[in-house]
């Protein structure tokens, strides 16, 4: 399976401050943004997963039975 990455026009990396270097893709229903210059990554789960996480808790993962 080929993973298509899209660049976010005009976005600035919060780590290295480089502009137009952030790539976005979806991995296991989680949006992943990575700076192609410094490698900084940010992840955000979809709304359904976020609603299942209680405030101020750290989550390793949310597993769904198949």
C-alpha atoms as a PDB file:
ATOM      1  CA  UNK A   1       0.000   0.000   0.000  1.00  0.00           C
ATOM      2  CA  UNK A   2       1.403   3.387  -1.020  1.00  0.00           C
ATOM      3  CA  UNK A   3       1.223   6.149   1.594  1.00  0.00           C
ATOM      4  CA  UNK A   4       0.450   9.510  -0.034  1.00  0.00           C
ATOM      5  CA  UNK A   5       1.829  12.495   1.830  1.00  0.00           C
ATOM      6  CA  UNK A   6       0.573  16.023   1.220  1.00  0.00           C
ATOM      7  CA  UNK A   7       2.419  19.223   2.033  1.00  0.00           C
ATOM      8  CA  UNK A   8       0.683  21.944   4.039  1.00  0.00           C
ATOM      9  CA  UNK A   9       1.221  25.202   2.156  1.00  0.00           C
ATOM     10  CA  UNK A  10       2.398  28.113   4.285  1.00  0.00           C
ATOM     11  CA  UNK A  11       2.739  26.063   7.486  1.00  0.00           C
ATOM     12  CA  UNK A  12       5.710  26.616   9.806  1.00  0.00           C
ATOM     13  CA  UNK A  13       7.372  23.844  11.808  1.00  0.00           C
ATOM     14  CA  UNK A  14       6.977  24.517  15.552  1.00  0.00           C
ATOM     15  CA  UNK A  15      10.385  22.971  16.217  1.00  0.00           C
ATOM     16  CA  UNK A  16      12.793  24.369  13.592  1.00  0.00           C
ATOM     17  CA  UNK A  17      10.599  27.257  12.302  1.00  0.00           C
ATOM     18  CA  UNK A  18      11.114  26.184   8.662  1.00  0.00           C
ATOM     19  CA  UNK A  19       8.264  27.186   6.348  1.00  0.00           C
ATOM     20  CA  UNK A  20       6.580  24.868   3.801  1.00  0.00           C
ATOM     21  CA  UNK A  21       8.250  21.719   5.169  1.00  0.00           C
ATOM     22  CA  UNK A  22       5.286  20.011   6.882  1.00  0.00           C
ATOM     23  CA  UNK A  23       3.919  16.832   5.272  1.00  0.00           C
ATOM     24  CA  UNK A  24       0.545  15.332   6.298  1.00  0.00           C
ATOM     25  CA  UNK A  25      -0.744  11.763   6.011  1.00  0.00           C
ATOM     26  CA  UNK A  26      -3.204   9.455   7.771  1.00  0.00           C
ATOM     27  CA  UNK A  27      -1.963   6.357   9.612  1.00  0.00           C
ATOM     28  CA  UNK A  28      -4.388   4.029  11.481  1.00  0.00           C
ATOM     29  CA  UNK A  29      -7.069   6.766  11.674  1.00  0.00           C
ATOM     30  CA  UNK A  30      -4.546   9.227  13.123  1.00  0.00           C
ATOM     31  CA  UNK A  31      -3.416  12.374  11.296  1.00  0.00           C
ATOM     32  CA  UNK A  32       0.381  12.573  11.241  1.00  0.00           C
ATOM     33  CA  UNK A  33       2.286  15.761  10.434  1.00  0.00           C
ATOM     34  CA  UNK A  34       6.066  15.609  10.013  1.00  0.00           C
ATOM     35  CA  UNK A  35       8.646  18.244   9.180  1.00  0.00           C
ATOM     36  CA  UNK A  36      10.767  16.921   6.304  1.00  0.00           C
ATOM     37  CA  UNK A  37      13.630  19.183   7.388  1.00  0.00           C
ATOM     38  CA  UNK A  38      14.070  18.327  11.087  1.00  0.00           C
ATOM     39  CA  UNK A  39      11.848  15.228  11.502  1.00  0.00           C
ATOM     40  CA  UNK A  40       9.576  16.729  14.200  1.00  0.00           C
ATOM     41  CA  UNK A  41       6.247  14.807  14.313  1.00  0.00           C
ATOM     42  CA  UNK A  42       2.798  15.639  15.616  1.00  0.00           C
ATOM     43  CA  UNK A  43      -0.126  13.206  15.810  1.00  0.00           C
ATOM     44  CA  UNK A  44      -3.823  13.742  16.376  1.00  0.00           C
ATOM     45  CA  UNK A  45      -6.367  10.985  16.780  1.00  0.00           C
ATOM     46  CA  UNK A  46      -9.726  11.276  15.085  1.00  0.00           C
ATOM     47  CA  UNK A  47     -12.684  12.719  17.004  1.00  0.00           C
ATOM     48  CA  UNK A  48     -14.051   9.312  18.049  1.00  0.00           C
ATOM     49  CA  UNK A  49     -10.750   8.281  19.640  1.00  0.00           C
ATOM     50  CA  UNK A  50     -10.291  11.647  21.383  1.00  0.00           C
ATOM     51  CA  UNK A  51     -13.742  11.381  22.952  1.00  0.00           C
ATOM     52  CA  UNK A  52     -12.832   8.021  24.504  1.00  0.00           C
ATOM     53  CA  UNK A  53      -9.763   9.463  26.253  1.00  0.00           C
ATOM     54  CA  UNK A  54     -10.351  11.082  29.621  1.00  0.00           C
ATOM     55  CA  UNK A  55      -8.873  14.523  30.222  1.00  0.00           C
ATOM     56  CA  UNK A  56      -5.276  14.668  31.534  1.00  0.00           C
ATOM     57  CA  UNK A  57      -4.561  10.982  30.837  1.00  0.00           C
ATOM     58  CA  UNK A  58      -1.782   9.664  28.688  1.00  0.00           C
ATOM     59  CA  UNK A  59      -2.781   6.934  26.240  1.00  0.00           C
ATOM     60  CA  UNK A  60      -0.480   4.392  24.640  1.00  0.00           C
ATOM     61  CA  UNK A  61      -3.134   3.322  22.136  1.00  0.00           C
ATOM     62  CA  UNK A  62      -6.777   2.577  21.555  1.00  0.00           C
ATOM     63  CA  UNK A  63      -7.429  -0.936  20.343  1.00  0.00           C
ATOM     64  CA  UNK A  64     -10.512  -2.010  18.428  1.00  0.00           C
ATOM     65  CA  UNK A  65     -11.584  -5.682  18.261  1.00  0.00           C
ATOM     66  CA  UNK A  66     -11.883  -7.002  14.721  1.00  0.00           C
END
